[in-house]
N, C-alpha and C. Protein backbone atom coordinates (compact mmCIF):
# COMPACT_ATOMS: atom_id res chain seq x y z
N MET A 1 -45.08 30.97 19.89
CA MET A 1 -45.10 29.56 20.23
C MET A 1 -46.55 29.13 20.47
N ALA A 2 -47.00 28.11 19.78
CA ALA A 2 -48.37 27.62 19.91
C ALA A 2 -48.49 26.74 21.16
N LEU A 3 -49.64 26.85 21.81
CA LEU A 3 -49.90 25.99 22.96
C LEU A 3 -50.16 24.56 22.50
N ASN A 4 -49.65 23.62 23.23
CA ASN A 4 -49.89 22.21 22.95
C ASN A 4 -50.90 21.70 23.99
N THR A 5 -52.03 22.38 24.06
CA THR A 5 -53.03 22.09 25.07
C THR A 5 -54.41 22.04 24.44
N ASP A 6 -55.20 21.05 24.81
CA ASP A 6 -56.59 20.97 24.35
C ASP A 6 -57.44 21.68 25.41
N ARG A 7 -57.63 22.95 25.27
CA ARG A 7 -58.33 23.78 26.25
C ARG A 7 -59.80 23.88 25.84
N ARG A 8 -60.72 23.48 26.76
CA ARG A 8 -62.15 23.48 26.46
C ARG A 8 -62.93 24.08 27.62
N THR A 9 -64.18 24.38 27.34
CA THR A 9 -65.13 24.78 28.38
C THR A 9 -66.44 24.06 28.06
N VAL A 10 -67.48 24.36 28.79
CA VAL A 10 -68.77 23.71 28.56
C VAL A 10 -69.86 24.76 28.45
N ASP A 11 -70.91 24.41 27.75
CA ASP A 11 -72.09 25.25 27.62
C ASP A 11 -73.14 24.70 28.58
N LEU A 12 -73.34 25.39 29.68
CA LEU A 12 -74.30 24.95 30.69
C LEU A 12 -75.68 25.59 30.53
N SER A 13 -75.92 26.23 29.39
CA SER A 13 -77.19 26.94 29.22
C SER A 13 -78.41 26.01 29.31
N ALA A 14 -78.24 24.73 29.02
CA ALA A 14 -79.35 23.78 29.14
C ALA A 14 -79.61 23.36 30.59
N TYR A 15 -78.77 23.83 31.51
CA TYR A 15 -78.87 23.44 32.92
C TYR A 15 -78.91 24.67 33.83
N PRO A 16 -79.92 25.51 33.69
CA PRO A 16 -79.95 26.75 34.47
C PRO A 16 -80.10 26.51 35.97
N ASP A 17 -80.68 25.38 36.35
CA ASP A 17 -80.92 25.10 37.77
C ASP A 17 -79.98 24.03 38.32
N LEU A 18 -78.84 23.85 37.67
CA LEU A 18 -77.87 22.83 38.05
C LEU A 18 -77.50 22.93 39.53
N VAL A 19 -77.44 21.77 40.17
CA VAL A 19 -77.05 21.66 41.58
C VAL A 19 -75.91 20.66 41.66
N ILE A 20 -74.88 21.01 42.42
CA ILE A 20 -73.75 20.11 42.65
C ILE A 20 -73.72 19.81 44.14
N ILE A 21 -73.58 18.54 44.46
CA ILE A 21 -73.50 18.14 45.86
C ILE A 21 -72.26 17.28 46.06
N ASP A 22 -71.50 17.62 47.07
CA ASP A 22 -70.38 16.81 47.53
C ASP A 22 -70.81 16.19 48.84
N LEU A 23 -70.59 14.89 48.97
CA LEU A 23 -70.95 14.17 50.19
C LEU A 23 -69.76 13.34 50.62
N GLY A 24 -69.63 13.12 51.92
CA GLY A 24 -68.55 12.29 52.40
C GLY A 24 -68.90 11.57 53.69
N MET A 25 -68.27 10.44 53.88
CA MET A 25 -68.40 9.67 55.12
C MET A 25 -66.99 9.31 55.58
N ARG A 26 -66.72 9.59 56.84
CA ARG A 26 -65.40 9.39 57.41
C ARG A 26 -65.49 8.45 58.59
N VAL A 27 -64.58 7.51 58.68
CA VAL A 27 -64.53 6.58 59.81
C VAL A 27 -63.96 7.33 61.02
N ASN A 28 -64.74 7.39 62.10
CA ASN A 28 -64.30 8.05 63.33
C ASN A 28 -63.88 7.07 64.42
N GLU A 29 -64.37 5.85 64.32
CA GLU A 29 -63.98 4.79 65.26
C GLU A 29 -64.04 3.47 64.51
N LEU A 30 -63.43 2.45 65.04
CA LEU A 30 -63.25 1.18 64.34
C LEU A 30 -64.55 0.61 63.76
N ARG A 31 -65.63 0.64 64.53
CA ARG A 31 -66.89 0.09 64.02
C ARG A 31 -67.41 0.85 62.80
N GLY A 32 -66.91 2.06 62.59
CA GLY A 32 -67.31 2.87 61.45
C GLY A 32 -66.87 2.29 60.11
N LEU A 33 -65.84 1.45 60.12
CA LEU A 33 -65.39 0.83 58.88
C LEU A 33 -66.49 -0.03 58.28
N LYS A 34 -67.18 -0.79 59.12
CA LYS A 34 -68.30 -1.63 58.65
C LYS A 34 -69.43 -0.74 58.10
N THR A 35 -69.74 0.35 58.80
CA THR A 35 -70.78 1.27 58.35
C THR A 35 -70.42 1.87 57.00
N LEU A 36 -69.19 2.34 56.87
CA LEU A 36 -68.72 2.96 55.63
C LEU A 36 -68.83 1.99 54.46
N LEU A 37 -68.35 0.78 54.64
CA LEU A 37 -68.38 -0.20 53.56
C LEU A 37 -69.81 -0.57 53.17
N ARG A 38 -70.69 -0.71 54.15
CA ARG A 38 -72.10 -1.04 53.87
C ARG A 38 -72.76 0.08 53.07
N PHE A 39 -72.59 1.32 53.53
CA PHE A 39 -73.22 2.44 52.83
C PHE A 39 -72.65 2.60 51.43
N ALA A 40 -71.36 2.48 51.26
CA ALA A 40 -70.75 2.63 49.94
C ALA A 40 -71.33 1.61 48.97
N ARG A 41 -71.47 0.38 49.41
CA ARG A 41 -72.02 -0.68 48.57
C ARG A 41 -73.49 -0.40 48.23
N GLU A 42 -74.30 -0.04 49.25
CA GLU A 42 -75.72 0.20 49.04
C GLU A 42 -75.98 1.40 48.14
N VAL A 43 -75.26 2.48 48.37
CA VAL A 43 -75.47 3.68 47.55
C VAL A 43 -75.06 3.41 46.11
N GLY A 44 -73.93 2.79 45.92
CA GLY A 44 -73.48 2.47 44.56
C GLY A 44 -74.49 1.63 43.80
N LYS A 45 -75.00 0.58 44.44
CA LYS A 45 -76.00 -0.29 43.81
C LYS A 45 -77.28 0.48 43.52
N SER A 46 -77.69 1.32 44.44
CA SER A 46 -78.95 2.05 44.31
C SER A 46 -78.92 3.05 43.16
N VAL A 47 -77.81 3.76 43.01
CA VAL A 47 -77.71 4.74 41.93
C VAL A 47 -77.84 4.05 40.58
N VAL A 48 -77.20 2.90 40.44
CA VAL A 48 -77.26 2.15 39.18
C VAL A 48 -78.66 1.57 38.98
N ALA A 49 -79.23 0.97 40.01
CA ALA A 49 -80.53 0.30 39.89
C ALA A 49 -81.69 1.29 39.71
N ASN A 50 -81.66 2.39 40.45
CA ASN A 50 -82.80 3.32 40.45
C ASN A 50 -82.67 4.44 39.43
N GLN A 51 -81.47 4.75 39.00
CA GLN A 51 -81.24 5.86 38.07
C GLN A 51 -82.17 7.03 38.40
N PRO A 52 -81.92 7.69 39.52
CA PRO A 52 -82.82 8.75 39.98
C PRO A 52 -83.06 9.82 38.91
N ASP A 53 -84.32 10.20 38.75
CA ASP A 53 -84.69 11.25 37.80
C ASP A 53 -84.00 12.54 38.19
N GLY A 54 -83.30 13.14 37.27
CA GLY A 54 -82.62 14.41 37.53
C GLY A 54 -81.16 14.27 37.86
N LEU A 55 -80.70 13.06 38.17
CA LEU A 55 -79.27 12.86 38.44
C LEU A 55 -78.53 12.81 37.10
N LEU A 56 -77.68 13.77 36.87
CA LEU A 56 -76.94 13.85 35.62
C LEU A 56 -75.64 13.06 35.65
N LEU A 57 -74.98 13.06 36.82
CA LEU A 57 -73.71 12.36 36.94
C LEU A 57 -73.42 12.07 38.40
N HIS A 58 -72.94 10.86 38.66
CA HIS A 58 -72.53 10.43 40.00
C HIS A 58 -71.09 9.96 39.89
N GLU A 59 -70.21 10.55 40.72
CA GLU A 59 -68.80 10.15 40.73
C GLU A 59 -68.40 9.82 42.15
N ASN A 60 -67.68 8.73 42.32
CA ASN A 60 -67.17 8.36 43.64
C ASN A 60 -65.86 9.09 43.91
N ARG A 61 -65.60 9.36 45.18
CA ARG A 61 -64.39 10.09 45.58
C ARG A 61 -63.72 9.37 46.74
N LEU A 62 -62.40 9.42 46.75
CA LEU A 62 -61.62 8.95 47.88
C LEU A 62 -60.91 10.16 48.45
N PHE A 63 -61.25 10.53 49.68
CA PHE A 63 -60.64 11.69 50.31
C PHE A 63 -59.38 11.30 51.07
N SER A 64 -59.40 10.16 51.75
CA SER A 64 -58.19 9.67 52.43
C SER A 64 -58.34 8.19 52.71
N ILE A 65 -57.19 7.55 52.88
CA ILE A 65 -57.18 6.13 53.23
C ILE A 65 -57.08 5.97 54.73
N VAL A 66 -56.27 6.83 55.37
CA VAL A 66 -56.11 6.79 56.82
C VAL A 66 -56.41 8.18 57.36
N PRO A 67 -57.49 8.34 58.07
CA PRO A 67 -58.58 7.37 58.26
C PRO A 67 -59.41 7.25 56.98
N PRO A 68 -60.09 6.13 56.81
CA PRO A 68 -60.92 5.97 55.63
C PRO A 68 -61.97 7.08 55.54
N HIS A 69 -62.02 7.75 54.40
CA HIS A 69 -62.95 8.85 54.16
C HIS A 69 -63.27 8.84 52.67
N ILE A 70 -64.50 8.43 52.35
CA ILE A 70 -64.91 8.34 50.95
C ILE A 70 -66.13 9.23 50.73
N GLY A 71 -66.46 9.44 49.47
CA GLY A 71 -67.62 10.26 49.20
C GLY A 71 -68.07 10.19 47.77
N MET A 72 -68.93 11.14 47.43
CA MET A 72 -69.51 11.22 46.10
C MET A 72 -69.58 12.68 45.68
N HIS A 73 -69.57 12.86 44.40
CA HIS A 73 -69.74 14.18 43.79
C HIS A 73 -70.84 13.98 42.77
N GLU A 74 -71.95 14.70 42.92
CA GLU A 74 -73.09 14.50 42.03
C GLU A 74 -73.54 15.82 41.41
N TYR A 75 -74.04 15.71 40.19
CA TYR A 75 -74.62 16.82 39.46
C TYR A 75 -76.10 16.50 39.26
N TRP A 76 -76.97 17.41 39.67
CA TRP A 76 -78.41 17.23 39.56
C TRP A 76 -78.99 18.32 38.67
N ARG A 77 -80.01 17.96 37.90
CA ARG A 77 -80.68 18.90 37.00
C ARG A 77 -81.24 20.09 37.77
N ASP A 78 -81.81 19.83 38.96
CA ASP A 78 -82.41 20.89 39.76
C ASP A 78 -82.58 20.39 41.20
N TYR A 79 -82.86 21.32 42.08
CA TYR A 79 -82.99 21.00 43.49
C TYR A 79 -84.20 20.09 43.76
N ASP A 80 -85.31 20.32 43.07
CA ASP A 80 -86.49 19.48 43.31
C ASP A 80 -86.19 18.01 43.04
N SER A 81 -85.41 17.71 41.99
CA SER A 81 -85.05 16.31 41.70
C SER A 81 -84.22 15.72 42.83
N LEU A 82 -83.24 16.48 43.29
CA LEU A 82 -82.40 16.01 44.40
C LEU A 82 -83.23 15.80 45.66
N GLU A 83 -84.11 16.74 45.95
CA GLU A 83 -84.94 16.62 47.15
C GLU A 83 -85.88 15.42 47.05
N ARG A 84 -86.48 15.19 45.88
CA ARG A 84 -87.36 14.02 45.71
C ARG A 84 -86.60 12.73 45.98
N TRP A 85 -85.37 12.62 45.42
CA TRP A 85 -84.55 11.42 45.62
C TRP A 85 -84.22 11.25 47.11
N SER A 86 -83.80 12.33 47.75
CA SER A 86 -83.36 12.21 49.14
C SER A 86 -84.50 11.91 50.10
N ARG A 87 -85.73 12.15 49.67
CA ARG A 87 -86.88 11.91 50.54
C ARG A 87 -87.71 10.71 50.10
N SER A 88 -87.10 9.86 49.26
CA SER A 88 -87.77 8.63 48.84
C SER A 88 -86.91 7.43 49.24
N LEU A 89 -87.52 6.25 49.19
CA LEU A 89 -86.76 5.04 49.48
C LEU A 89 -85.86 4.71 48.29
N PRO A 90 -84.68 4.22 48.50
CA PRO A 90 -84.09 3.77 49.75
C PRO A 90 -83.41 4.88 50.55
N HIS A 91 -83.17 6.03 49.93
CA HIS A 91 -82.43 7.10 50.63
C HIS A 91 -83.09 7.50 51.94
N LYS A 92 -84.39 7.64 51.95
CA LYS A 92 -85.12 8.05 53.15
C LYS A 92 -84.83 7.08 54.31
N GLY A 93 -84.84 5.80 54.02
CA GLY A 93 -84.56 4.79 55.05
C GLY A 93 -83.13 4.87 55.57
N TRP A 94 -82.18 5.07 54.66
CA TRP A 94 -80.77 5.19 55.08
C TRP A 94 -80.61 6.37 56.01
N TRP A 95 -81.17 7.51 55.62
CA TRP A 95 -80.98 8.74 56.40
C TRP A 95 -81.67 8.62 57.76
N ASP A 96 -82.86 8.07 57.79
CA ASP A 96 -83.60 7.90 59.04
C ASP A 96 -82.77 7.07 60.02
N ASP A 97 -82.23 5.96 59.55
CA ASP A 97 -81.40 5.10 60.41
C ASP A 97 -80.10 5.80 60.80
N PHE A 98 -79.48 6.45 59.84
CA PHE A 98 -78.16 7.03 60.06
C PHE A 98 -78.17 8.18 61.06
N VAL A 99 -79.15 9.07 60.99
CA VAL A 99 -79.15 10.21 61.92
C VAL A 99 -79.41 9.76 63.35
N ARG A 100 -79.98 8.59 63.52
CA ARG A 100 -80.21 8.06 64.87
C ARG A 100 -78.97 7.38 65.43
N ASP A 101 -78.15 6.81 64.53
CA ASP A 101 -76.89 6.16 64.94
C ASP A 101 -75.94 6.18 63.74
N THR A 102 -74.92 7.00 63.82
CA THR A 102 -73.98 7.14 62.69
C THR A 102 -73.00 5.97 62.59
N GLY A 103 -73.12 5.00 63.46
CA GLY A 103 -72.32 3.78 63.34
C GLY A 103 -70.82 3.99 63.35
N GLY A 104 -70.35 4.97 64.12
CA GLY A 104 -68.91 5.18 64.23
C GLY A 104 -68.32 6.00 63.09
N THR A 105 -69.16 6.69 62.35
CA THR A 105 -68.69 7.51 61.25
C THR A 105 -69.12 8.96 61.43
N GLY A 106 -68.57 9.81 60.61
CA GLY A 106 -69.04 11.17 60.46
C GLY A 106 -69.52 11.32 59.04
N PHE A 107 -70.47 12.21 58.83
CA PHE A 107 -71.03 12.42 57.49
C PHE A 107 -71.16 13.92 57.25
N TRP A 108 -71.06 14.31 55.98
CA TRP A 108 -71.24 15.71 55.62
C TRP A 108 -71.71 15.81 54.19
N HIS A 109 -72.37 16.92 53.89
CA HIS A 109 -72.60 17.29 52.49
C HIS A 109 -72.53 18.79 52.36
N GLU A 110 -72.09 19.23 51.20
CA GLU A 110 -72.10 20.64 50.84
C GLU A 110 -72.78 20.72 49.47
N LEU A 111 -73.71 21.67 49.36
CA LEU A 111 -74.55 21.81 48.18
C LEU A 111 -74.30 23.17 47.55
N TYR A 112 -74.11 23.20 46.22
CA TYR A 112 -73.80 24.43 45.49
C TYR A 112 -74.75 24.57 44.31
N PHE A 113 -75.25 25.77 44.10
CA PHE A 113 -76.23 26.03 43.06
C PHE A 113 -75.66 26.94 41.98
N ARG A 114 -75.92 26.61 40.73
CA ARG A 114 -75.46 27.44 39.63
C ARG A 114 -76.01 28.85 39.74
N ARG A 115 -77.24 28.98 40.17
CA ARG A 115 -77.88 30.30 40.30
C ARG A 115 -77.47 31.02 41.58
N GLY A 116 -76.66 30.39 42.36
CA GLY A 116 -76.23 30.99 43.62
C GLY A 116 -76.87 30.30 44.81
N GLY A 117 -76.20 30.33 45.91
CA GLY A 117 -76.68 29.69 47.12
C GLY A 117 -75.88 28.44 47.43
N MET A 118 -75.69 28.21 48.70
CA MET A 118 -74.95 27.05 49.18
C MET A 118 -75.52 26.68 50.54
N GLU A 119 -75.37 25.42 50.90
CA GLU A 119 -75.75 24.99 52.24
C GLU A 119 -74.96 23.73 52.57
N ALA A 120 -74.93 23.39 53.85
CA ALA A 120 -74.16 22.23 54.27
C ALA A 120 -74.72 21.66 55.56
N ILE A 121 -74.39 20.40 55.79
CA ILE A 121 -74.73 19.72 57.05
C ILE A 121 -73.55 18.82 57.41
N TYR A 122 -73.27 18.72 58.69
CA TYR A 122 -72.16 17.90 59.18
C TYR A 122 -72.64 17.12 60.39
N LEU A 123 -72.46 15.81 60.39
CA LEU A 123 -72.80 14.95 61.53
C LEU A 123 -71.52 14.32 62.03
N ASN A 124 -71.21 14.52 63.28
CA ASN A 124 -70.02 13.95 63.92
C ASN A 124 -68.73 14.30 63.17
N MET A 125 -68.62 15.53 62.72
CA MET A 125 -67.42 15.98 62.01
C MET A 125 -66.71 17.11 62.75
N ALA A 126 -67.17 17.50 63.93
CA ALA A 126 -66.60 18.64 64.66
C ALA A 126 -65.11 18.45 64.94
N ASP A 127 -64.68 17.22 65.22
CA ASP A 127 -63.27 16.96 65.50
C ASP A 127 -62.42 16.88 64.23
N HIS A 128 -63.09 16.87 63.08
CA HIS A 128 -62.40 16.73 61.80
C HIS A 128 -63.02 17.70 60.79
N PRO A 129 -62.96 19.00 61.06
CA PRO A 129 -63.67 19.93 60.19
C PRO A 129 -63.12 19.95 58.77
N LEU A 130 -63.99 20.18 57.82
CA LEU A 130 -63.61 20.32 56.43
C LEU A 130 -64.56 21.31 55.77
N GLY A 131 -64.18 21.77 54.60
CA GLY A 131 -65.04 22.67 53.85
C GLY A 131 -65.45 23.89 54.64
N PHE A 132 -66.71 24.28 54.50
CA PHE A 132 -67.24 25.47 55.17
C PHE A 132 -67.00 25.44 56.68
N LEU A 133 -67.00 24.25 57.25
CA LEU A 133 -66.85 24.10 58.71
C LEU A 133 -65.51 24.64 59.20
N ASN A 134 -64.55 24.79 58.30
CA ASN A 134 -63.23 25.33 58.66
C ASN A 134 -63.19 26.84 58.81
N PHE A 135 -64.15 27.54 58.22
CA PHE A 135 -64.07 29.01 58.28
C PHE A 135 -65.37 29.71 58.64
N ALA A 136 -66.50 29.04 58.54
CA ALA A 136 -67.78 29.67 58.86
C ALA A 136 -68.23 29.22 60.24
N PRO A 137 -68.93 30.08 60.98
CA PRO A 137 -69.41 29.70 62.32
C PRO A 137 -70.36 28.50 62.23
N ALA A 138 -70.16 27.53 63.09
CA ALA A 138 -71.03 26.35 63.16
C ALA A 138 -72.26 26.69 64.00
N GLU A 139 -73.40 26.20 63.56
CA GLU A 139 -74.67 26.42 64.24
C GLU A 139 -75.37 25.08 64.41
N PRO A 140 -76.15 24.90 65.48
CA PRO A 140 -76.94 23.68 65.59
C PRO A 140 -77.95 23.59 64.44
N ALA A 141 -78.12 22.42 63.87
CA ALA A 141 -79.06 22.21 62.77
C ALA A 141 -80.45 21.97 63.36
N ARG A 142 -81.03 23.01 63.90
CA ARG A 142 -82.36 22.96 64.52
C ARG A 142 -83.22 24.07 63.95
N GLY A 143 -84.52 23.96 64.16
CA GLY A 143 -85.44 24.99 63.70
C GLY A 143 -85.33 25.22 62.20
N SER A 144 -85.17 26.47 61.79
CA SER A 144 -85.10 26.79 60.35
C SER A 144 -83.84 26.21 59.70
N LEU A 145 -82.86 25.80 60.49
CA LEU A 145 -81.63 25.23 59.94
C LEU A 145 -81.66 23.69 59.92
N PHE A 146 -82.80 23.09 60.27
CA PHE A 146 -82.90 21.63 60.32
C PHE A 146 -82.83 21.00 58.93
N SER A 147 -83.50 21.60 57.96
CA SER A 147 -83.55 21.00 56.61
C SER A 147 -82.72 21.81 55.62
N ALA A 148 -82.33 21.15 54.55
CA ALA A 148 -81.58 21.84 53.50
C ALA A 148 -82.40 23.00 52.94
N ARG A 149 -83.69 22.78 52.74
CA ARG A 149 -84.57 23.83 52.22
C ARG A 149 -84.57 25.04 53.15
N GLY A 150 -84.59 24.80 54.45
CA GLY A 150 -84.54 25.89 55.42
C GLY A 150 -83.19 26.59 55.41
N ARG A 151 -82.11 25.81 55.36
CA ARG A 151 -80.76 26.40 55.34
C ARG A 151 -80.55 27.24 54.08
N LEU A 152 -81.21 26.86 53.00
CA LEU A 152 -81.10 27.59 51.75
C LEU A 152 -81.99 28.82 51.71
N GLU A 153 -82.89 28.89 52.68
CA GLU A 153 -83.91 29.94 52.68
C GLU A 153 -84.65 29.91 51.35
N ALA A 154 -84.89 28.67 50.86
CA ALA A 154 -85.51 28.47 49.56
C ALA A 154 -87.00 28.80 49.59
N GLY A 155 -87.58 28.75 50.77
CA GLY A 155 -89.00 29.01 50.86
C GLY A 155 -89.80 27.88 50.26
N GLY A 156 -91.08 28.02 50.34
CA GLY A 156 -91.96 26.99 49.81
C GLY A 156 -91.91 25.74 50.65
N GLU A 157 -92.80 24.86 50.33
CA GLU A 157 -92.87 23.60 51.05
C GLU A 157 -92.23 22.50 50.21
N ALA A 158 -91.61 21.58 50.89
CA ALA A 158 -91.07 20.41 50.20
C ALA A 158 -92.23 19.65 49.59
N LYS A 159 -91.99 19.05 48.44
CA LYS A 159 -93.04 18.31 47.75
C LYS A 159 -93.26 16.92 48.35
N VAL A 160 -92.33 16.49 49.18
CA VAL A 160 -92.43 15.20 49.85
C VAL A 160 -91.97 15.37 51.29
N ASP A 161 -92.39 14.47 52.16
CA ASP A 161 -92.02 14.55 53.57
C ASP A 161 -90.54 14.29 53.78
N ALA A 162 -90.00 14.89 54.82
CA ALA A 162 -88.60 14.68 55.20
C ALA A 162 -88.42 13.23 55.65
N PRO A 163 -87.20 12.69 55.49
CA PRO A 163 -86.94 11.33 55.96
C PRO A 163 -87.24 11.17 57.44
N VAL A 164 -86.89 12.15 58.24
CA VAL A 164 -87.16 12.13 59.67
C VAL A 164 -87.38 13.58 60.09
N SER A 165 -88.39 13.79 60.93
CA SER A 165 -88.67 15.17 61.36
C SER A 165 -87.78 15.55 62.54
N GLU A 166 -87.66 16.84 62.74
CA GLU A 166 -86.88 17.34 63.88
C GLU A 166 -87.48 16.84 65.18
N GLN A 167 -88.80 16.85 65.28
CA GLN A 167 -89.46 16.39 66.50
C GLN A 167 -89.17 14.91 66.74
N GLU A 168 -89.27 14.07 65.71
CA GLU A 168 -88.99 12.65 65.86
C GLU A 168 -87.56 12.42 66.32
N LEU A 169 -86.63 13.14 65.71
CA LEU A 169 -85.21 12.94 65.97
C LEU A 169 -84.82 13.37 67.38
N TYR A 170 -85.27 14.56 67.80
CA TYR A 170 -84.81 15.11 69.06
C TYR A 170 -85.75 14.86 70.24
N ASP A 171 -87.04 14.70 69.94
CA ASP A 171 -88.00 14.54 71.03
C ASP A 171 -88.57 13.14 71.11
N GLY A 172 -88.14 12.26 70.21
CA GLY A 172 -88.61 10.89 70.22
C GLY A 172 -90.03 10.75 69.72
N GLY A 173 -90.54 11.79 69.07
CA GLY A 173 -91.83 11.80 68.75
C GLY A 173 -92.80 11.70 67.84
């Protein structure tokens, strides 16, 4: 009996440094609905307007309606492209503001590398764990765990400054 299925795969050889990132924002309190809607609109417009170098594909995701929890799934050519985008405007401004006040939401991202390696960050998600947070020990994102580059043990220096430094965020400084 022949299969009646169009079964395919992909040739990723042109993307040896492929990075996949899943991101999400969840409403944790009523005021978070306004934050969620604002960020969703701004990010969507920005991806279309700026067409970040290295972004291969951006897909929106709906994780749940109650409570509202939306996100994105993105494919990047390499980590340097993703890092450049995340440390430039408008992203840098969003992150700087957001880490100081999450506006009644929780945020998370999980990053996966074709060559191996993963890292994640969670803000105000402890009461609603997902992904790695469900089975791996949680650690404060301080010191070497403050930045994605540090969590990845990627070494080297970032080519651009972080949106907000650990000292600025925690010490006001």
